[in-house]
Amino acid sequence: MIIVEQPGNEWQYPLFDCFYPVEDCLLAYFCAPCYAAYAADESGESLFSSILQFLCYPLGLLYLRPTARYKHYIDGSLFKDFCAVILFPCCVSMQIRKEFEDGI
């Protein structure tokens, strides 16, 4: 049996590409738990995951970001995910939503 490793991808949108569109940026900043739930819904996660994002913000993003990386074969580590979620949770929510919105 031969195992072929998939080449890793990069995030289509960098972490700090979170200022456009402005409406999303404002929603992510002023109603962050709602936006995280929206990002979970866009990523195809279950209703439970969306509720988790809303109630446990920003800790729920520690589940959502690695899941997004796995679904899109994006390189990274749990440590990088942890740092991004703790330091820039609004940007992480926008990055995840944009990644799945484009359907790549």
PDB file of N, CA and C in Angstrom:
ATOM      1  N   MET A   1       0.838  -1.178   0.000  1.00  0.00           N
ATOM      2  CA  MET A   1       0.000   0.000   0.000  1.00  0.00           C
ATOM      3  C   MET A   1       0.884   1.243   0.000  1.00  0.00           C
ATOM      4  N   ILE A   2       0.603   2.131  -0.912  1.00  0.00           N
ATOM      5  CA  ILE A   2       1.371   3.366  -1.034  1.00  0.00           C
ATOM      6  C   ILE A   2       0.528   4.516  -0.499  1.00  0.00           C
ATOM      7  N   ILE A   3       1.132   5.301   0.367  1.00  0.00           N
ATOM      8  CA  ILE A   3       0.448   6.466   0.930  1.00  0.00           C
ATOM      9  C   ILE A   3       1.054   7.717   0.309  1.00  0.00           C
ATOM     10  N   VAL A   4       0.205   8.501  -0.305  1.00  0.00           N
ATOM     11  CA  VAL A   4       0.652   9.745  -0.928  1.00  0.00           C
ATOM     12  C   VAL A   4       0.163  10.900  -0.074  1.00  0.00           C
ATOM     13  N   GLU A   5       1.076  11.755   0.311  1.00  0.00           N
ATOM     14  CA  GLU A   5       0.717  12.906   1.142  1.00  0.00           C
ATOM     15  C   GLU A   5       0.265  14.059   0.256  1.00  0.00           C
ATOM     16  N   GLN A   6      -0.854  14.671   0.623  1.00  0.00           N
ATOM     17  CA  GLN A   6      -1.370  15.817  -0.119  1.00  0.00           C
ATOM     18  C   GLN A   6      -0.469  17.029   0.117  1.00  0.00           C
ATOM     19  N   PRO A   7      -0.166  17.774  -0.943  1.00  0.00           N
ATOM     20  CA  PRO A   7       0.597  19.005  -0.718  1.00  0.00           C
ATOM     21  C   PRO A   7      -0.257  20.000   0.062  1.00  0.00           C
ATOM     22  N   GLY A   8       0.377  20.739   0.940  1.00  0.00           N
ATOM     23  CA  GLY A   8      -0.349  21.698   1.763  1.00  0.00           C
ATOM     24  C   GLY A   8      -0.651  22.980   1.008  1.00  0.00           C
ATOM     25  N   ASN A   9      -1.783  23.534   1.311  1.00  0.00           N
ATOM     26  CA  ASN A   9      -2.187  24.815   0.735  1.00  0.00           C
ATOM     27  C   ASN A   9      -1.962  25.918   1.755  1.00  0.00           C
ATOM     28  N   GLU A  10      -2.103  27.130   1.292  1.00  0.00           N
ATOM     29  CA  GLU A  10      -2.068  28.297   2.170  1.00  0.00           C
ATOM     30  C   GLU A  10      -3.482  28.848   2.279  1.00  0.00           C
ATOM     31  N   TRP A  11      -3.713  29.665   3.292  1.00  0.00           N
ATOM     32  CA  TRP A  11      -4.997  30.347   3.395  1.00  0.00           C
ATOM     33  C   TRP A  11      -5.148  31.240   2.176  1.00  0.00           C
ATOM     34  N   GLN A  12      -6.317  31.235   1.565  1.00  0.00           N
ATOM     35  CA  GLN A  12      -6.564  32.099   0.414  1.00  0.00           C
ATOM     36  C   GLN A  12      -6.571  33.564   0.851  1.00  0.00           C
ATOM     37  N   TYR A  13      -7.055  33.809   2.066  1.00  0.00           N
ATOM     38  CA  TYR A  13      -7.105  35.162   2.614  1.00  0.00           C
ATOM     39  C   TYR A  13      -6.205  35.219   3.837  1.00  0.00           C
ATOM     40  N   PRO A  14      -5.241  36.133   3.864  1.00  0.00           N
ATOM     41  CA  PRO A  14      -4.375  36.257   5.039  1.00  0.00           C
ATOM     42  C   PRO A  14      -5.184  36.658   6.276  1.00  0.00           C
ATOM     43  N   LEU A  15      -4.630  36.415   7.429  1.00  0.00           N
ATOM     44  CA  LEU A  15      -5.320  36.692   8.688  1.00  0.00           C
ATOM     45  C   LEU A  15      -5.729  38.159   8.807  1.00  0.00           C
ATOM     46  N   PHE A  16      -4.887  39.059   8.345  1.00  0.00           N
ATOM     47  CA  PHE A  16      -5.178  40.485   8.511  1.00  0.00           C
ATOM     48  C   PHE A  16      -5.853  41.105   7.288  1.00  0.00           C
ATOM     49  N   ASP A  17      -6.454  40.273   6.465  1.00  0.00           N
ATOM     50  CA  ASP A  17      -7.266  40.764   5.351  1.00  0.00           C
ATOM     51  C   ASP A  17      -8.711  40.872   5.833  1.00  0.00           C
ATOM     52  N   CYS A  18      -8.858  41.457   7.010  1.00  0.00           N
ATOM     53  CA  CYS A  18     -10.168  41.455   7.677  1.00  0.00           C
ATOM     54  C   CYS A  18     -10.845  42.824   7.677  1.00  0.00           C
ATOM     55  N   PHE A  19     -10.332  43.766   6.915  1.00  0.00           N
ATOM     56  CA  PHE A  19     -10.934  45.097   6.911  1.00  0.00           C
ATOM     57  C   PHE A  19     -11.845  45.330   5.713  1.00  0.00           C
ATOM     58  N   TYR A  20     -11.954  44.322   4.856  1.00  0.00           N
ATOM     59  CA  TYR A  20     -12.822  44.434   3.695  1.00  0.00           C
ATOM     60  C   TYR A  20     -13.632  43.157   3.573  1.00  0.00           C
ATOM     61  N   PRO A  21     -14.873  43.192   3.337  1.00  0.00           N
ATOM     62  CA  PRO A  21     -15.759  44.341   3.259  1.00  0.00           C
ATOM     63  C   PRO A  21     -15.980  44.981   4.629  1.00  0.00           C
ATOM     64  N   VAL A  22     -16.166  46.269   4.614  1.00  0.00           N
ATOM     65  CA  VAL A  22     -16.273  47.051   5.848  1.00  0.00           C
ATOM     66  C   VAL A  22     -17.449  46.591   6.703  1.00  0.00           C
ATOM     67  N   GLU A  23     -18.572  46.238   6.063  1.00  0.00           N
ATOM     68  CA  GLU A  23     -19.752  45.801   6.826  1.00  0.00           C
ATOM     69  C   GLU A  23     -19.435  44.549   7.641  1.00  0.00           C
ATOM     70  N   ASP A  24     -18.722  43.614   7.024  1.00  0.00           N
ATOM     71  CA  ASP A  24     -18.345  42.393   7.737  1.00  0.00           C
ATOM     72  C   ASP A  24     -17.377  42.698   8.870  1.00  0.00           C
ATOM     73  N   CYS A  25     -16.454  43.600   8.608  1.00  0.00           N
ATOM     74  CA  CYS A  25     -15.483  43.983   9.629  1.00  0.00           C
ATOM     75  C   CYS A  25     -16.186  44.562  10.852  1.00  0.00           C
ATOM     76  N   LEU A  26     -17.146  45.442  10.618  1.00  0.00           N
ATOM     77  CA  LEU A  26     -17.882  46.055  11.729  1.00  0.00           C
ATOM     78  C   LEU A  26     -18.709  45.018  12.488  1.00  0.00           C
ATOM     79  N   LEU A  27     -19.358  44.126  11.753  1.00  0.00           N
ATOM     80  CA  LEU A  27     -20.145  43.079  12.402  1.00  0.00           C
ATOM     81  C   LEU A  27     -19.248  42.145  13.209  1.00  0.00           C
ATOM     82  N   ALA A  28     -18.106  41.770  12.642  1.00  0.00           N
ATOM     83  CA  ALA A  28     -17.177  40.878  13.343  1.00  0.00           C
ATOM     84  C   ALA A  28     -16.624  41.531  14.606  1.00  0.00           C
ATOM     85  N   TYR A  29     -16.467  42.845  14.586  1.00  0.00           N
ATOM     86  CA  TYR A  29     -15.915  43.537  15.751  1.00  0.00           C
ATOM     87  C   TYR A  29     -16.970  43.806  16.820  1.00  0.00           C
ATOM     88  N   PHE A  30     -18.118  44.318  16.402  1.00  0.00           N
ATOM     89  CA  PHE A  30     -19.121  44.737  17.380  1.00  0.00           C
ATOM     90  C   PHE A  30     -20.070  43.624  17.816  1.00  0.00           C
ATOM     91  N   CYS A  31     -20.199  42.583  17.028  1.00  0.00           N
ATOM     92  CA  CYS A  31     -21.041  41.443  17.410  1.00  0.00           C
ATOM     93  C   CYS A  31     -20.285  40.155  17.087  1.00  0.00           C
ATOM     94  N   ALA A  32     -19.128  40.033  17.709  1.00  0.00           N
ATOM     95  CA  ALA A  32     -18.205  38.944  17.398  1.00  0.00           C
ATOM     96  C   ALA A  32     -18.807  37.545  17.564  1.00  0.00           C
ATOM     97  N   PRO A  33     -19.538  37.257  18.640  1.00  0.00           N
ATOM     98  CA  PRO A  33     -20.109  35.901  18.762  1.00  0.00           C
ATOM     99  C   PRO A  33     -21.084  35.566  17.633  1.00  0.00           C
ATOM    100  N   CYS A  34     -21.871  36.547  17.219  1.00  0.00           N
ATOM    101  CA  CYS A  34     -22.811  36.327  16.100  1.00  0.00           C
ATOM    102  C   CYS A  34     -22.046  36.040  14.815  1.00  0.00           C
ATOM    103  N   TYR A  35     -20.971  36.791  14.590  1.00  0.00           N
ATOM    104  CA  TYR A  35     -20.199  36.604  13.365  1.00  0.00           C
ATOM    105  C   TYR A  35     -19.487  35.254  13.365  1.00  0.00           C
ATOM    106  N   ALA A  36     -19.005  34.816  14.527  1.00  0.00           N
ATOM    107  CA  ALA A  36     -18.363  33.501  14.614  1.00  0.00           C
ATOM    108  C   ALA A  36     -19.373  32.395  14.297  1.00  0.00           C
ATOM    109  N   ALA A  37     -20.603  32.549  14.775  1.00  0.00           N
ATOM    110  CA  ALA A  37     -21.650  31.572  14.462  1.00  0.00           C
ATOM    111  C   ALA A  37     -21.947  31.582  12.962  1.00  0.00           C
ATOM    112  N   TYR A  38     -21.947  32.766  12.364  1.00  0.00           N
ATOM    113  CA  TYR A  38     -22.156  32.904  10.920  1.00  0.00           C
ATOM    114  C   TYR A  38     -21.033  32.203  10.151  1.00  0.00           C
ATOM    115  N   ALA A  39     -19.796  32.371  10.611  1.00  0.00           N
ATOM    116  CA  ALA A  39     -18.654  31.717   9.965  1.00  0.00           C
ATOM    117  C   ALA A  39     -18.779  30.200  10.056  1.00  0.00           C
ATOM    118  N   ALA A  40     -19.235  29.703  11.200  1.00  0.00           N
ATOM    119  CA  ALA A  40     -19.429  28.255  11.357  1.00  0.00           C
ATOM    120  C   ALA A  40     -20.487  27.751  10.391  1.00  0.00           C
ATOM    121  N   ASP A  41     -21.550  28.516  10.229  1.00  0.00           N
ATOM    122  CA  ASP A  41     -22.604  28.129   9.294  1.00  0.00           C
ATOM    123  C   ASP A  41     -22.084  28.127   7.857  1.00  0.00           C
ATOM    124  N   GLU A  42     -21.315  29.138   7.483  1.00  0.00           N
ATOM    125  CA  GLU A  42     -20.743  29.217   6.132  1.00  0.00           C
ATOM    126  C   GLU A  42     -19.803  28.053   5.853  1.00  0.00           C
ATOM    127  N   SER A  43     -19.138  27.554   6.901  1.00  0.00           N
ATOM    128  CA  SER A  43     -18.180  26.468   6.700  1.00  0.00           C
ATOM    129  C   SER A  43     -18.855  25.107   6.612  1.00  0.00           C
ATOM    130  N   GLY A  44     -20.170  25.094   6.727  1.00  0.00           N
ATOM    131  CA  GLY A  44     -20.896  23.836   6.598  1.00  0.00           C
ATOM    132  C   GLY A  44     -20.967  23.031   7.877  1.00  0.00           C
ATOM    133  N   GLU A  45     -20.608  23.646   8.987  1.00  0.00           N
ATOM    134  CA  GLU A  45     -20.681  22.952  10.266  1.00  0.00           C
ATOM    135  C   GLU A  45     -22.132  22.832  10.720  1.00  0.00           C
ATOM    136  N   SER A  46     -22.347  22.000  11.698  1.00  0.00           N
ATOM    137  CA  SER A  46     -23.698  21.740  12.193  1.00  0.00           C
ATOM    138  C   SER A  46     -24.239  22.931  12.983  1.00  0.00           C
ATOM    139  N   LEU A  47     -25.523  22.885  13.247  1.00  0.00           N
ATOM    140  CA  LEU A  47     -26.161  23.913  14.065  1.00  0.00           C
ATOM    141  C   LEU A  47     -25.520  23.951  15.449  1.00  0.00           C
ATOM    142  N   PHE A  48     -25.165  22.782  15.975  1.00  0.00           N
ATOM    143  CA  PHE A  48     -24.507  22.715  17.279  1.00  0.00           C
ATOM    144  C   PHE A  48     -23.207  23.518  17.272  1.00  0.00           C
ATOM    145  N   SER A  49     -22.441  23.411  16.200  1.00  0.00           N
ATOM    146  CA  SER A  49     -21.185  24.153  16.102  1.00  0.00           C
ATOM    147  C   SER A  49     -21.436  25.658  16.073  1.00  0.00           C
ATOM    148  N   SER A  50     -22.477  26.077  15.365  1.00  0.00           N
ATOM    149  CA  SER A  50     -22.813  27.503  15.325  1.00  0.00           C
ATOM    150  C   SER A  50     -23.206  28.009  16.707  1.00  0.00           C
ATOM    151  N   ILE A  51     -23.978  27.212  17.427  1.00  0.00           N
ATOM    152  CA  ILE A  51     -24.367  27.585  18.795  1.00  0.00           C
ATOM    153  C   ILE A  51     -23.140  27.629  19.695  1.00  0.00           C
ATOM    154  N   LEU A  52     -22.237  26.662  19.523  1.00  0.00           N
ATOM    155  CA  LEU A  52     -20.990  26.636  20.293  1.00  0.00           C
ATOM    156  C   LEU A  52     -20.183  27.905  20.043  1.00  0.00           C
ATOM    157  N   GLN A  53     -20.098  28.328  18.777  1.00  0.00           N
ATOM    158  CA  GLN A  53     -19.360  29.549  18.453  1.00  0.00           C
ATOM    159  C   GLN A  53     -19.964  30.753  19.160  1.00  0.00           C
ATOM    160  N   PHE A  54     -21.279  30.808  19.192  1.00  0.00           N
ATOM    161  CA  PHE A  54     -21.958  31.942  19.811  1.00  0.00           C
ATOM    162  C   PHE A  54     -21.774  31.946  21.327  1.00  0.00           C
ATOM    163  N   LEU A  55     -21.966  30.805  21.967  1.00  0.00           N
ATOM    164  CA  LEU A  55     -21.937  30.743  23.431  1.00  0.00           C
ATOM    165  C   LEU A  55     -20.530  30.714  24.017  1.00  0.00           C
ATOM    166  N   CYS A  56     -19.589  30.168  23.287  1.00  0.00           N
ATOM    167  CA  CYS A  56     -18.233  29.987  23.826  1.00  0.00           C
ATOM    168  C   CYS A  56     -17.194  30.827  23.092  1.00  0.00           C
ATOM    169  N   TYR A  57     -17.611  31.961  22.551  1.00  0.00           N
ATOM    170  CA  TYR A  57     -16.689  32.819  21.816  1.00  0.00           C
ATOM    171  C   TYR A  57     -15.618  33.348  22.756  1.00  0.00           C
ATOM    172  N   PRO A  58     -14.356  33.361  22.397  1.00  0.00           N
ATOM    173  CA  PRO A  58     -13.712  32.931  21.168  1.00  0.00           C
ATOM    174  C   PRO A  58     -13.210  31.489  21.214  1.00  0.00           C
ATOM    175  N   LEU A  59     -13.426  30.793  22.327  1.00  0.00           N
ATOM    176  CA  LEU A  59     -12.870  29.446  22.462  1.00  0.00           C
ATOM    177  C   LEU A  59     -13.415  28.474  21.427  1.00  0.00           C
ATOM    178  N   GLY A  60     -14.637  28.690  20.958  1.00  0.00           N
ATOM    179  CA  GLY A  60     -15.190  27.823  19.924  1.00  0.00           C
ATOM    180  C   GLY A  60     -14.397  27.875  18.632  1.00  0.00           C
ATOM    181  N   LEU A  61     -13.708  28.995  18.403  1.00  0.00           N
ATOM    182  CA  LEU A  61     -12.885  29.122  17.201  1.00  0.00           C
ATOM    183  C   LEU A  61     -11.693  28.166  17.236  1.00  0.00           C
ATOM    184  N   LEU A  62     -11.321  27.711  18.439  1.00  0.00           N
ATOM    185  CA  LEU A  62     -10.238  26.729  18.550  1.00  0.00           C
ATOM    186  C   LEU A  62     -10.643  25.395  17.932  1.00  0.00           C
ATOM    187  N   TYR A  63     -11.922  25.164  17.795  1.00  0.00           N
ATOM    188  CA  TYR A  63     -12.419  23.988  17.075  1.00  0.00           C
ATOM    189  C   TYR A  63     -12.573  24.298  15.580  1.00  0.00           C
ATOM    190  N   LEU A  64     -13.075  25.464  15.274  1.00  0.00           N
ATOM    191  CA  LEU A  64     -13.435  25.791  13.893  1.00  0.00           C
ATOM    192  C   LEU A  64     -12.221  26.008  12.995  1.00  0.00           C
ATOM    193  N   ARG A  65     -11.193  26.656  13.479  1.00  0.00           N
ATOM    194  CA  ARG A  65     -10.037  26.965  12.609  1.00  0.00           C
ATOM    195  C   ARG A  65      -9.282  25.704  12.185  1.00  0.00           C
ATOM    196  N   PRO A  66      -8.956  24.784  13.092  1.00  0.00           N
ATOM    197  CA  PRO A  66      -8.316  23.541  12.627  1.00  0.00           C
ATOM    198  C   PRO A  66      -9.218  22.735  11.689  1.00  0.00           C
ATOM    199  N   THR A  67     -10.520  22.775  11.926  1.00  0.00           N
ATOM    200  CA  THR A  67     -11.453  22.077  11.040  1.00  0.00           C
ATOM    201  C   THR A  67     -11.406  22.680   9.640  1.00  0.00           C
ATOM    202  N   ALA A  68     -11.355  23.997   9.564  1.00  0.00           N
ATOM    203  CA  ALA A  68     -11.258  24.671   8.263  1.00  0.00           C
ATOM    204  C   ALA A  68      -9.947  24.311   7.569  1.00  0.00           C
ATOM    205  N   ARG A  69      -8.855  24.276   8.327  1.00  0.00           N
ATOM    206  CA  ARG A  69      -7.561  23.891   7.743  1.00  0.00           C
ATOM    207  C   ARG A  69      -7.621  22.467   7.192  1.00  0.00           C
ATOM    208  N   TYR A  70      -8.240  21.577   7.944  1.00  0.00           N
ATOM    209  CA  TYR A  70      -8.333  20.180   7.528  1.00  0.00           C
ATOM    210  C   TYR A  70      -9.163  20.039   6.245  1.00  0.00           C
ATOM    211  N   LYS A  71     -10.285  20.729   6.181  1.00  0.00           N
ATOM    212  CA  LYS A  71     -11.171  20.628   5.010  1.00  0.00           C
ATOM    213  C   LYS A  71     -10.526  21.172   3.741  1.00  0.00           C
ATOM    214  N   HIS A  72      -9.641  22.151   3.875  1.00  0.00           N
ATOM    215  CA  HIS A  72      -9.024  22.783   2.701  1.00  0.00           C
ATOM    216  C   HIS A  72      -7.556  22.401   2.536  1.00  0.00           C
ATOM    217  N   TYR A  73      -7.087  21.414   3.312  1.00  0.00           N
ATOM    218  CA  TYR A  73      -5.691  20.956   3.239  1.00  0.00           C
ATOM    219  C   TYR A  73      -4.711  22.113   3.413  1.00  0.00           C
ATOM    220  N   ILE A  74      -4.975  22.952   4.400  1.00  0.00           N
ATOM    221  CA  ILE A  74      -4.135  24.122   4.651  1.00  0.00           C
ATOM    222  C   ILE A  74      -3.077  23.764   5.685  1.00  0.00           C
ATOM    223  N   ASP A  75      -1.838  24.118   5.369  1.00  0.00           N
ATOM    224  CA  ASP A  75      -0.741  23.890   6.311  1.00  0.00           C
ATOM    225  C   ASP A  75      -0.931  24.751   7.552  1.00  0.00           C
ATOM    226  N   GLY A  76      -0.410  24.278   8.657  1.00  0.00           N
ATOM    227  CA  GLY A  76      -0.480  25.040   9.896  1.00  0.00           C
ATOM    228  C   GLY A  76      -0.335  24.107  11.084  1.00  0.00           C
ATOM    229  N   SER A  77      -0.495  24.661  12.255  1.00  0.00           N
ATOM    230  CA  SER A  77      -0.378  23.864  13.477  1.00  0.00           C
ATOM    231  C   SER A  77      -1.413  24.336  14.489  1.00  0.00           C
ATOM    232  N   LEU A  78      -1.655  23.490  15.459  1.00  0.00           N
ATOM    233  CA  LEU A  78      -2.585  23.870  16.520  1.00  0.00           C
ATOM    234  C   LEU A  78      -2.052  25.056  17.316  1.00  0.00           C
ATOM    235  N   PHE A  79      -0.737  25.144  17.457  1.00  0.00           N
ATOM    236  CA  PHE A  79      -0.152  26.273  18.179  1.00  0.00           C
ATOM    237  C   PHE A  79      -0.435  27.591  17.453  1.00  0.00           C
ATOM    238  N   LYS A  80      -0.252  27.600  16.129  1.00  0.00           N
ATOM    239  CA  LYS A  80      -0.547  28.814  15.348  1.00  0.00           C
ATOM    240  C   LYS A  80      -2.030  29.151  15.418  1.00  0.00           C
ATOM    241  N   ASP A  81      -2.874  28.112  15.360  1.00  0.00           N
ATOM    242  CA  ASP A  81      -4.319  28.335  15.477  1.00  0.00           C
ATOM    243  C   ASP A  81      -4.652  28.948  16.830  1.00  0.00           C
ATOM    244  N   PHE A  82      -4.064  28.407  17.887  1.00  0.00           N
ATOM    245  CA  PHE A  82      -4.315  28.901  19.240  1.00  0.00           C
ATOM    246  C   PHE A  82      -3.913  30.370  19.357  1.00  0.00           C
ATOM    247  N   CYS A  83      -2.722  30.702  18.881  1.00  0.00           N
ATOM    248  CA  CYS A  83      -2.245  32.090  18.968  1.00  0.00           C
ATOM    249  C   CYS A  83      -3.148  33.037  18.179  1.00  0.00           C
ATOM    250  N   ALA A  84      -3.529  32.635  16.977  1.00  0.00           N
ATOM    251  CA  ALA A  84      -4.390  33.489  16.150  1.00  0.00           C
ATOM    252  C   ALA A  84      -5.744  33.701  16.810  1.00  0.00           C
ATOM    253  N   VAL A  85      -6.322  32.634  17.353  1.00  0.00           N
ATOM    254  CA  VAL A  85      -7.651  32.732  17.970  1.00  0.00           C
ATOM    255  C   VAL A  85      -7.616  33.596  19.219  1.00  0.00           C
ATOM    256  N   ILE A  86      -6.617  33.436  20.042  1.00  0.00           N
ATOM    257  CA  ILE A  86      -6.543  34.190  21.296  1.00  0.00           C
ATOM    258  C   ILE A  86      -6.211  35.662  21.039  1.00  0.00           C
ATOM    259  N   LEU A  87      -5.330  35.936  20.085  1.00  0.00           N
ATOM    260  CA  LEU A  87      -4.898  37.314  19.846  1.00  0.00           C
ATOM    261  C   LEU A  87      -5.799  38.086  18.879  1.00  0.00           C
ATOM    262  N   PHE A  88      -6.354  37.401  17.871  1.00  0.00           N
ATOM    263  CA  PHE A  88      -7.118  38.089  16.821  1.00  0.00           C
ATOM    264  C   PHE A  88      -8.397  37.330  16.468  1.00  0.00           C
ATOM    265  N   PRO A  89      -9.296  37.133  17.411  1.00  0.00           N
ATOM    266  CA  PRO A  89     -10.481  36.300  17.138  1.00  0.00           C
ATOM    267  C   PRO A  89     -11.387  36.855  16.039  1.00  0.00           C
ATOM    268  N   CYS A  90     -11.537  38.161  15.953  1.00  0.00           N
ATOM    269  CA  CYS A  90     -12.392  38.738  14.898  1.00  0.00           C
ATOM    270  C   CYS A  90     -11.804  38.458  13.517  1.00  0.00           C
ATOM    271  N   CYS A  91     -10.498  38.596  13.398  1.00  0.00           N
ATOM    272  CA  CYS A  91      -9.836  38.335  12.119  1.00  0.00           C
ATOM    273  C   CYS A  91      -9.941  36.859  11.737  1.00  0.00           C
ATOM    274  N   VAL A  92      -9.837  35.975  12.722  1.00  0.00           N
ATOM    275  CA  VAL A  92      -9.964  34.540  12.464  1.00  0.00           C
ATOM    276  C   VAL A  92     -11.361  34.220  11.942  1.00  0.00           C
ATOM    277  N   SER A  93     -12.384  34.790  12.562  1.00  0.00           N
ATOM    278  CA  SER A  93     -13.763  34.552  12.112  1.00  0.00           C
ATOM    279  C   SER A  93     -13.950  34.987  10.669  1.00  0.00           C
ATOM    280  N   MET A  94     -13.420  36.156  10.334  1.00  0.00           N
ATOM    281  CA  MET A  94     -13.559  36.653   8.962  1.00  0.00           C
ATOM    282  C   MET A  94     -12.767  35.798   7.983  1.00  0.00           C
ATOM    283  N   GLN A  95     -11.584  35.375   8.377  1.00  0.00           N
ATOM    284  CA  GLN A  95     -10.762  34.539   7.505  1.00  0.00           C
ATOM    285  C   GLN A  95     -11.478  33.222   7.182  1.00  0.00           C
ATOM    286  N   ILE A  96     -12.057  32.602   8.186  1.00  0.00           N
ATOM    287  CA  ILE A  96     -12.761  31.335   7.981  1.00  0.00           C
ATOM    288  C   ILE A  96     -13.980  31.540   7.091  1.00  0.00           C
ATOM    289  N   ARG A  97     -14.748  32.573   7.358  1.00  0.00           N
ATOM    290  CA  ARG A  97     -15.945  32.814   6.558  1.00  0.00           C
ATOM    291  C   ARG A  97     -15.597  33.072   5.099  1.00  0.00           C
ATOM    292  N   LYS A  98     -14.584  33.899   4.862  1.00  0.00           N
ATOM    293  CA  LYS A  98     -14.180  34.198   3.488  1.00  0.00           C
ATOM    294  C   LYS A  98     -13.675  32.945   2.772  1.00  0.00           C
ATOM    295  N   GLU A  99     -12.935  32.122   3.486  1.00  0.00           N
ATOM    296  CA  GLU A  99     -12.379  30.902   2.896  1.00  0.00           C
ATOM    297  C   GLU A  99     -13.492  29.995   2.365  1.00  0.00           C
ATOM    298  N   PHE A 100     -14.560  29.880   3.116  1.00  0.00           N
ATOM    299  CA  PHE A 100     -15.651  29.001   2.708  1.00  0.00           C
ATOM    300  C   PHE A 100     -16.656  29.692   1.798  1.00  0.00           C
ATOM    301  N   GLU A 101     -16.751  30.997   1.883  1.00  0.00           N
ATOM    302  CA  GLU A 101     -17.695  31.729   1.039  1.00  0.00           C
ATOM    303  C   GLU A 101     -17.355  31.566  -0.440  1.00  0.00           C
ATOM    304  N   ASP A 102     -16.079  31.539  -0.746  1.00  0.00           N
ATOM    305  CA  ASP A 102     -15.649  31.417  -2.139  1.00  0.00           C
ATOM    306  C   ASP A 102     -15.783  29.994  -2.665  1.00  0.00           C
ATOM    307  N   GLY A 103     -16.061  29.047  -1.773  1.00  0.00           N
ATOM    308  CA  GLY A 103     -16.317  27.678  -2.197  1.00  0.00           C
ATOM    309  C   GLY A 103     -15.114  26.921  -2.717  1.00  0.00           C
ATOM    310  N   ILE A 104     -13.952  27.289  -2.263  1.00  0.00           N
ATOM    311  CA  ILE A 104     -12.737  26.603  -2.720  1.00  0.00           C
ATOM    312  C   ILE A 104     -12.505  25.385  -1.871  1.00  0.00           C
TER     313      ILE A 104
END
